[in-house]
Amino acid sequence: MEGPYKYVRNANGKVSRVIRIGTRKSQLARIQTDSVAEKLKRLYPDVHLEIVGMTTTGDKILDTALSKIGEKSLFTKELETALERNEVDLVVHSLKDLPTTLPPGFTIGAVLKRENPHDAVVLHPKNMGKSLDTLPDKSVIGTSSLRRAAQLKKRFPHLEFKDIRGNLNTRLKKLDEKDDFSAIILAAAGLRRMGWDSRVSQILGPEDCMYAVGQGALAIEVRARDEDILEMVSVLHDPDTVLRCIAERAFLRRLEGGCSVPVAVHTEVKDSQLYLTGAVYSLDGSDSLKETMQTSIASDNKVEERVDERVQRVGVTANNMPGPAQDASEKLGLDLANLLLSKGAKEILTVARQLNDAR
């Protein structure tokens, strides 16, 4: 059989296509990819799955360079290159690492059920039993996120915040083996997937720290033209997570935000209503704008006629879900962003971006 795809013949002589799943080599990335592979294997026992660990140049790039371009965006680009070259058929990402506008030819074919999207406090062993409130004055908290630092500086003015880089394993090692940090802030979802729930001292609710767009959700990126794969992974879509994340991503895209500016969200689905709270912050958290809006996502469960197989909403293709609910979610994100922009959000974010670039 010709073409870019790979096939295997099993012991019974049956030929099946090999589906190659690309992943970064970090422990968390591998755990996330394995969890998706297991789900696909249960749903499609005849499909032959192969996990391809991508060796990236990222390991060799200095921290200083990575802090400017973003380590995760570098890995994302390398995985997309493998997808483009037909070296892999799908890639598993943390949704929060994917830009709100994907390169042409790619789409998010599945957004899986969201883990806890909130941030977690992990204390240095000597501080066990304490919380951010009760840590001594001038305690140093490690976080690489402008969003977390901006909110927490305002909420906990007695604490100091410093950058900490590296994957989860590296950050925990830096916390435990040195005395540089009293605590670090990490996504609760990553800690849970790694089996490190016992290290979580405190989950930060929305009143302390709202989360990043897409945080806690896994996304499967595929080639937009690869309809077989698109249909195969689409069964993994979790409807509520899809709608929440479409709203969040539309909000971020309209604000032209990204990792270089402090933008935070909180979403909830309740009684066929989708609630979206969004906020923007100055780097020190002293200046902020925060608003909440809601929309109805009720539907008669009729899936729209597939007029256009390639309808994407902020990079997400979900042909197996009602279109009107997806449209309403996207509009909610746009409307909330426009409300904040009308109140001066662009000025706050422009200053934050300039100050961050100058660091």
Protein backbone atom coordinates (compact mmCIF):
# COMPACT_ATOMS: atom_id res chain seq x y z
CA MET A 1 0.00 0.00 0.00
CA GLU A 2 1.45 3.29 -1.13
CA GLY A 3 1.23 6.66 0.58
CA PRO A 4 2.46 8.33 3.76
CA TYR A 5 0.77 5.89 6.10
CA LYS A 6 2.29 2.87 7.77
CA TYR A 7 0.55 -0.53 7.91
CA VAL A 8 1.18 -3.80 9.76
CA ARG A 9 -0.07 -7.32 9.15
CA ASN A 10 -1.04 -9.30 12.24
CA ALA A 11 -0.68 -13.06 12.79
CA ASN A 12 -4.06 -13.69 11.11
CA GLY A 13 -2.95 -11.86 7.99
CA LYS A 14 -5.16 -8.85 8.69
CA VAL A 15 -3.67 -5.52 7.62
CA SER A 16 -4.26 -2.54 9.88
CA ARG A 17 -3.00 1.02 9.80
CA VAL A 18 -0.43 2.00 12.38
CA ILE A 19 -1.44 5.14 14.25
CA ARG A 20 1.70 6.89 15.48
CA ILE A 21 1.29 9.15 18.52
CA GLY A 22 3.97 11.79 19.03
CA THR A 23 5.02 12.82 22.52
CA ARG A 24 7.69 14.80 24.30
CA LYS A 25 10.02 12.70 26.40
CA SER A 26 9.22 14.24 29.78
CA GLN A 27 7.62 11.91 32.31
CA LEU A 28 4.38 13.93 32.45
CA ALA A 29 4.07 14.10 28.65
CA ARG A 30 4.56 10.35 28.44
CA ILE A 31 1.97 9.65 31.17
CA GLN A 32 -0.55 11.90 29.37
CA THR A 33 0.14 10.26 26.01
CA ASP A 34 -0.13 6.75 27.48
CA SER A 35 -3.52 7.62 29.02
CA VAL A 36 -4.84 8.72 25.60
CA ALA A 37 -3.38 5.64 23.90
CA GLU A 38 -5.15 3.39 26.44
CA LYS A 39 -8.49 5.09 25.77
CA LEU A 40 -8.06 4.70 22.00
CA LYS A 41 -7.02 1.05 22.39
CA ARG A 42 -10.18 0.29 24.38
CA LEU A 43 -12.35 1.98 21.75
CA TYR A 44 -10.50 0.58 18.71
CA PRO A 45 -8.93 -2.76 19.66
CA ASP A 46 -7.98 -3.53 16.04
CA VAL A 47 -5.94 -0.38 15.54
CA HIS A 48 -2.18 -0.70 15.98
CA LEU A 49 -0.90 2.20 18.12
CA GLU A 50 2.75 3.21 18.27
CA ILE A 51 4.10 5.90 20.60
CA VAL A 52 6.96 7.94 19.15
CA GLY A 53 9.07 9.83 21.69
CA MET A 54 10.30 12.97 19.99
CA THR A 55 13.92 13.90 20.61
CA THR A 56 14.02 17.65 20.58
CA THR A 57 16.74 20.23 20.40
CA GLY A 58 15.05 21.86 23.38
CA ASP A 59 17.18 19.99 25.89
CA LYS A 60 20.28 21.68 24.53
CA ILE A 61 19.00 25.25 24.60
CA LEU A 62 20.00 27.50 27.47
CA ASP A 63 17.41 28.54 30.06
CA THR A 64 17.86 32.19 29.12
CA ALA A 65 16.91 31.56 25.51
CA LEU A 66 14.03 29.31 26.52
CA SER A 67 12.63 31.93 28.86
CA LYS A 68 12.21 34.26 25.88
CA ILE A 69 10.70 31.86 23.33
CA GLY A 70 9.05 29.52 25.80
CA GLU A 71 10.21 25.96 26.29
CA LYS A 72 6.75 24.54 25.69
CA SER A 73 6.17 26.49 22.49
CA LEU A 74 9.47 25.13 21.16
CA PHE A 75 8.40 21.54 21.86
CA THR A 76 4.95 22.24 20.39
CA LYS A 77 6.51 23.48 17.14
CA GLU A 78 8.78 20.44 16.88
CA LEU A 79 5.86 18.06 17.39
CA GLU A 80 3.85 19.93 14.75
CA THR A 81 6.76 19.57 12.33
CA ALA A 82 6.67 15.80 12.87
CA LEU A 83 2.90 15.88 12.23
CA GLU A 84 3.39 17.90 9.06
CA ARG A 85 6.03 15.46 7.77
CA ASN A 86 3.73 12.47 8.41
CA GLU A 87 6.22 11.10 10.97
CA VAL A 88 3.36 10.94 13.48
CA ASP A 89 -0.45 10.95 13.05
CA LEU A 90 -1.53 12.69 16.23
CA VAL A 91 0.07 14.52 19.13
CA VAL A 92 -1.11 14.76 22.75
CA HIS A 93 -0.67 18.19 24.37
CA SER A 94 -1.71 19.99 27.50
CA LEU A 95 -4.33 22.28 25.93
CA LYS A 96 -2.93 25.31 27.75
CA ASP A 97 0.32 24.92 25.75
CA LEU A 98 -1.43 25.22 22.38
CA PRO A 99 -1.79 28.70 20.83
CA THR A 100 -5.32 29.93 20.15
CA THR A 101 -4.50 30.10 16.43
CA LEU A 102 -2.96 26.90 15.08
CA PRO A 103 -0.75 26.82 11.97
CA PRO A 104 -2.65 26.08 8.74
CA GLY A 105 -3.32 22.38 8.22
CA PHE A 106 -3.64 21.47 11.90
CA THR A 107 -6.62 21.17 14.22
CA ILE A 108 -7.49 20.01 17.72
CA GLY A 109 -9.47 16.85 17.05
CA ALA A 110 -10.31 16.08 20.68
CA VAL A 111 -10.45 17.90 24.02
CA LEU A 112 -10.64 15.32 26.81
CA LYS A 113 -12.46 15.58 30.13
CA ARG A 114 -10.77 18.20 32.23
CA GLU A 115 -8.84 17.36 35.38
CA ASN A 116 -8.93 19.86 38.26
CA PRO A 117 -7.92 23.09 36.44
CA HIS A 118 -6.79 24.95 39.58
CA ASP A 119 -3.27 25.68 40.80
CA ALA A 120 -1.73 23.92 43.78
CA VAL A 121 0.75 24.97 46.45
CA VAL A 122 3.62 22.56 47.08
CA LEU A 123 5.53 23.42 50.25
CA HIS A 124 9.18 22.87 51.08
CA PRO A 125 9.25 19.89 53.52
CA LYS A 126 10.29 22.21 56.39
CA ASN A 127 7.05 24.22 55.95
CA MET A 128 4.63 21.29 56.10
CA GLY A 129 1.35 22.25 57.75
CA LYS A 130 1.56 25.88 56.66
CA SER A 131 -0.36 27.68 53.89
CA LEU A 132 0.41 30.77 51.80
CA ASP A 133 -1.40 32.82 54.46
CA THR A 134 0.74 31.50 57.32
CA LEU A 135 4.18 31.43 55.69
CA PRO A 136 6.60 33.97 57.26
CA ASP A 137 7.11 37.42 55.73
CA LYS A 138 9.44 37.55 52.71
CA SER A 139 9.06 33.80 52.07
CA VAL A 140 10.04 33.12 48.45
CA ILE A 141 7.48 31.36 46.24
CA GLY A 142 8.59 29.83 42.94
CA THR A 143 6.47 30.14 39.81
CA SER A 144 7.29 30.57 36.13
CA SER A 145 3.82 31.96 35.42
CA LEU A 146 3.15 35.71 35.14
CA ARG A 147 -0.55 34.94 35.64
CA ARG A 148 0.04 33.21 38.99
CA ALA A 149 2.56 35.78 40.22
CA ALA A 150 0.32 38.76 39.36
CA GLN A 151 -2.68 37.37 41.25
CA LEU A 152 -0.76 36.04 44.23
CA LYS A 153 1.35 39.20 44.75
CA LYS A 154 -1.89 41.12 45.20
CA ARG A 155 -3.52 38.46 47.38
CA PHE A 156 -0.45 37.64 49.54
CA PRO A 157 1.60 40.88 49.75
CA HIS A 158 3.85 39.46 52.51
CA LEU A 159 5.35 36.91 50.09
CA GLU A 160 8.00 37.28 47.37
CA PHE A 161 7.81 35.58 43.98
CA LYS A 162 10.70 34.32 41.87
CA ASP A 163 11.01 32.43 38.60
CA ILE A 164 11.50 28.68 38.69
CA ARG A 165 11.97 26.75 35.44
CA GLY A 166 12.08 23.18 34.22
CA ASN A 167 9.62 20.28 34.08
CA LEU A 168 7.70 19.07 37.13
CA ASN A 169 10.45 16.71 38.27
CA THR A 170 13.08 19.46 37.99
CA ARG A 171 10.99 22.01 39.89
CA LEU A 172 10.22 19.64 42.76
CA LYS A 173 13.92 18.75 43.00
CA LYS A 174 14.85 22.45 43.13
CA LEU A 175 12.29 22.95 45.91
CA ASP A 176 13.25 19.94 48.03
CA GLU A 177 17.02 19.92 47.67
CA LYS A 178 17.76 23.61 48.16
CA ASP A 179 16.55 26.35 50.48
CA ASP A 180 15.83 28.88 47.70
CA PHE A 181 12.04 28.47 47.85
CA SER A 182 9.52 28.12 50.69
CA ALA A 183 6.93 26.77 48.25
CA ILE A 184 6.23 26.49 44.54
CA ILE A 185 2.96 26.82 42.59
CA LEU A 186 2.12 24.12 40.04
CA ALA A 187 -0.96 23.00 38.12
CA ALA A 188 -2.94 20.52 40.24
CA ALA A 189 -3.71 18.43 37.14
CA GLY A 190 -0.05 17.70 36.40
CA LEU A 191 0.64 16.69 39.99
CA ARG A 192 -2.35 14.36 39.97
CA ARG A 193 -1.36 12.73 36.69
CA MET A 194 2.12 12.13 38.09
CA GLY A 195 0.61 10.49 41.18
CA TRP A 196 1.93 13.23 43.46
CA ASP A 197 -1.33 14.24 45.16
CA SER A 198 0.35 13.82 48.54
CA ARG A 199 2.60 16.82 47.80
CA VAL A 200 -0.39 19.18 47.38
CA SER A 201 -0.67 21.33 50.51
CA GLN A 202 -3.35 23.68 49.23
CA ILE A 203 -5.55 24.04 46.15
CA LEU A 204 -5.98 27.69 45.16
CA GLY A 205 -9.63 28.54 44.50
CA PRO A 206 -10.73 31.29 42.08
CA GLU A 207 -10.78 33.88 44.88
CA ASP A 208 -6.99 33.36 45.30
CA CYS A 209 -5.85 32.49 41.78
CA MET A 210 -7.86 31.92 38.62
CA TYR A 211 -6.38 29.43 36.16
CA ALA A 212 -4.86 29.56 32.68
CA VAL A 213 -6.91 29.11 29.51
CA GLY A 214 -7.32 25.38 28.87
CA GLN A 215 -5.53 24.36 32.08
CA GLY A 216 -6.19 20.77 33.17
CA ALA A 217 -7.45 19.60 29.76
CA LEU A 218 -5.60 17.35 27.31
CA ALA A 219 -5.88 18.04 23.58
CA ILE A 220 -5.17 15.81 20.59
CA GLU A 221 -3.74 17.70 17.62
CA VAL A 222 -4.10 16.13 14.18
CA ARG A 223 -3.76 17.05 10.50
CA ALA A 224 -6.99 18.83 9.53
CA ARG A 225 -7.21 16.92 6.23
CA ASP A 226 -6.85 13.50 7.91
CA GLU A 227 -10.55 12.77 8.25
CA ASP A 228 -10.09 9.14 9.38
CA ILE A 229 -7.98 10.19 12.35
CA LEU A 230 -10.23 13.18 13.06
CA GLU A 231 -13.27 10.92 13.25
CA MET A 232 -11.42 8.35 15.32
CA VAL A 233 -10.29 10.78 18.04
CA SER A 234 -13.50 12.85 18.07
CA VAL A 235 -15.22 10.30 20.34
CA LEU A 236 -12.83 11.43 23.11
CA HIS A 237 -14.33 14.95 23.16
CA ASP A 238 -15.86 15.81 26.55
CA PRO A 239 -18.76 18.18 25.70
CA ASP A 240 -18.60 20.42 28.78
CA THR A 241 -14.81 20.71 28.57
CA VAL A 242 -14.99 21.51 24.85
CA LEU A 243 -17.49 24.35 25.41
CA ARG A 244 -15.62 25.77 28.39
CA CYS A 245 -12.31 25.72 26.52
CA ILE A 246 -13.76 27.21 23.32
CA ALA A 247 -15.03 30.15 25.42
CA GLU A 248 -11.69 30.49 27.23
CA ARG A 249 -9.63 30.30 24.03
CA ALA A 250 -11.89 32.81 22.23
CA PHE A 251 -11.47 35.19 25.18
CA LEU A 252 -7.67 34.88 25.07
CA ARG A 253 -7.45 35.17 21.29
CA ARG A 254 -9.53 38.36 21.23
CA LEU A 255 -7.28 39.86 23.91
CA GLU A 256 -4.23 38.80 21.87
CA GLY A 257 -2.91 37.27 25.04
CA GLY A 258 -0.47 34.43 25.57
CA CYS A 259 2.11 33.26 28.08
CA SER A 260 3.79 36.68 28.00
CA VAL A 261 0.85 38.45 29.67
CA PRO A 262 -1.20 37.78 32.83
CA VAL A 263 -4.63 36.59 31.65
CA ALA A 264 -6.76 34.27 33.82
CA VAL A 265 -10.15 32.58 33.56
CA HIS A 266 -12.71 30.53 35.44
CA THR A 267 -15.54 28.64 33.73
CA GLU A 268 -18.49 26.61 34.94
CA VAL A 269 -21.39 24.78 33.29
CA LYS A 270 -24.57 24.78 35.37
CA ASP A 271 -28.20 24.23 34.34
CA SER A 272 -27.45 24.58 30.60
CA GLN A 273 -25.66 27.88 31.24
CA LEU A 274 -21.97 28.47 30.60
CA TYR A 275 -20.40 31.00 32.97
CA LEU A 276 -17.09 32.63 32.06
CA THR A 277 -15.08 34.87 34.36
CA GLY A 278 -12.04 36.47 32.77
CA ALA A 279 -9.40 38.84 34.08
CA VAL A 280 -6.29 40.71 33.03
CA TYR A 281 -3.57 41.94 35.39
CA SER A 282 -0.54 44.18 35.53
CA LEU A 283 2.66 42.25 36.34
CA ASP A 284 2.52 43.18 40.04
CA GLY A 285 -1.25 42.60 40.24
CA SER A 286 -1.93 46.19 41.36
CA ASP A 287 -3.98 46.96 38.25
CA SER A 288 -6.65 44.51 37.08
CA LEU A 289 -9.98 44.10 35.32
CA LYS A 290 -12.32 41.21 35.99
CA GLU A 291 -15.82 40.48 34.69
CA THR A 292 -18.25 37.54 34.41
CA MET A 293 -20.74 36.76 31.64
CA GLN A 294 -22.96 33.78 30.85
CA THR A 295 -24.73 32.22 27.88
CA SER A 296 -27.20 29.42 27.26
CA ILE A 297 -25.69 26.25 25.78
CA ALA A 298 -28.96 24.31 25.79
CA SER A 299 -29.53 22.30 22.64
CA ASP A 300 -31.93 19.74 21.26
CA ASN A 301 -28.90 17.45 20.87
CA LYS A 302 -29.22 17.45 17.11
CA VAL A 303 -25.77 17.47 15.61
CA GLU A 304 -25.58 20.06 12.85
CA GLU A 305 -25.61 18.91 9.24
CA ARG A 306 -22.02 18.50 8.21
CA VAL A 307 -22.05 21.32 5.72
CA ASP A 308 -18.37 21.99 6.22
CA GLU A 309 -16.21 19.23 7.67
CA ARG A 310 -13.52 21.76 8.46
CA VAL A 311 -15.33 24.15 10.81
CA GLN A 312 -12.82 25.11 13.48
CA ARG A 313 -13.58 27.23 16.50
CA VAL A 314 -10.38 28.66 17.99
CA GLY A 315 -8.52 25.65 16.62
CA VAL A 316 -11.02 23.03 17.83
CA THR A 317 -12.93 20.73 15.45
CA ALA A 318 -15.92 19.03 17.10
CA ASN A 319 -18.24 17.87 14.30
CA ASN A 320 -19.93 15.39 16.64
CA MET A 321 -21.27 18.16 18.90
CA PRO A 322 -24.13 20.63 18.29
CA GLY A 323 -22.83 23.68 16.43
CA PRO A 324 -25.05 26.32 18.10
CA ALA A 325 -23.65 25.52 21.57
CA GLN A 326 -20.10 25.82 20.23
CA ASP A 327 -20.94 29.12 18.52
CA ALA A 328 -22.52 30.47 21.72
CA SER A 329 -19.40 29.51 23.69
CA GLU A 330 -17.10 31.22 21.21
CA LYS A 331 -19.29 34.35 21.22
CA LEU A 332 -19.24 34.39 25.04
CA GLY A 333 -15.44 34.50 25.02
CA LEU A 334 -15.40 37.27 22.41
CA ASP A 335 -18.07 39.32 24.21
CA LEU A 336 -16.28 39.11 27.56
CA ALA A 337 -12.96 40.10 25.97
CA ASN A 338 -14.63 43.04 24.23
CA LEU A 339 -16.14 44.15 27.55
CA LEU A 340 -12.70 44.13 29.21
CA LEU A 341 -11.14 45.88 26.19
CA SER A 342 -13.76 48.62 26.48
CA LYS A 343 -12.64 49.15 30.08
CA GLY A 344 -8.93 49.45 29.30
CA ALA A 345 -7.62 45.85 29.17
CA LYS A 346 -5.40 46.56 26.15
CA GLU A 347 -3.46 49.23 28.03
CA ILE A 348 -2.89 46.95 31.04
CA LEU A 349 -1.69 44.08 28.82
CA THR A 350 0.51 46.29 26.63
CA VAL A 351 2.40 47.60 29.68
CA ALA A 352 2.66 44.08 31.12
CA ARG A 353 4.07 42.77 27.83
CA GLN A 354 6.59 45.59 27.53
CA LEU A 355 7.79 45.17 31.12
CA ASN A 356 8.09 41.41 30.69
CA ASP A 357 10.05 41.78 27.44
CA ALA A 358 12.42 44.19 29.18
CA ARG A 359 13.18 41.75 32.02
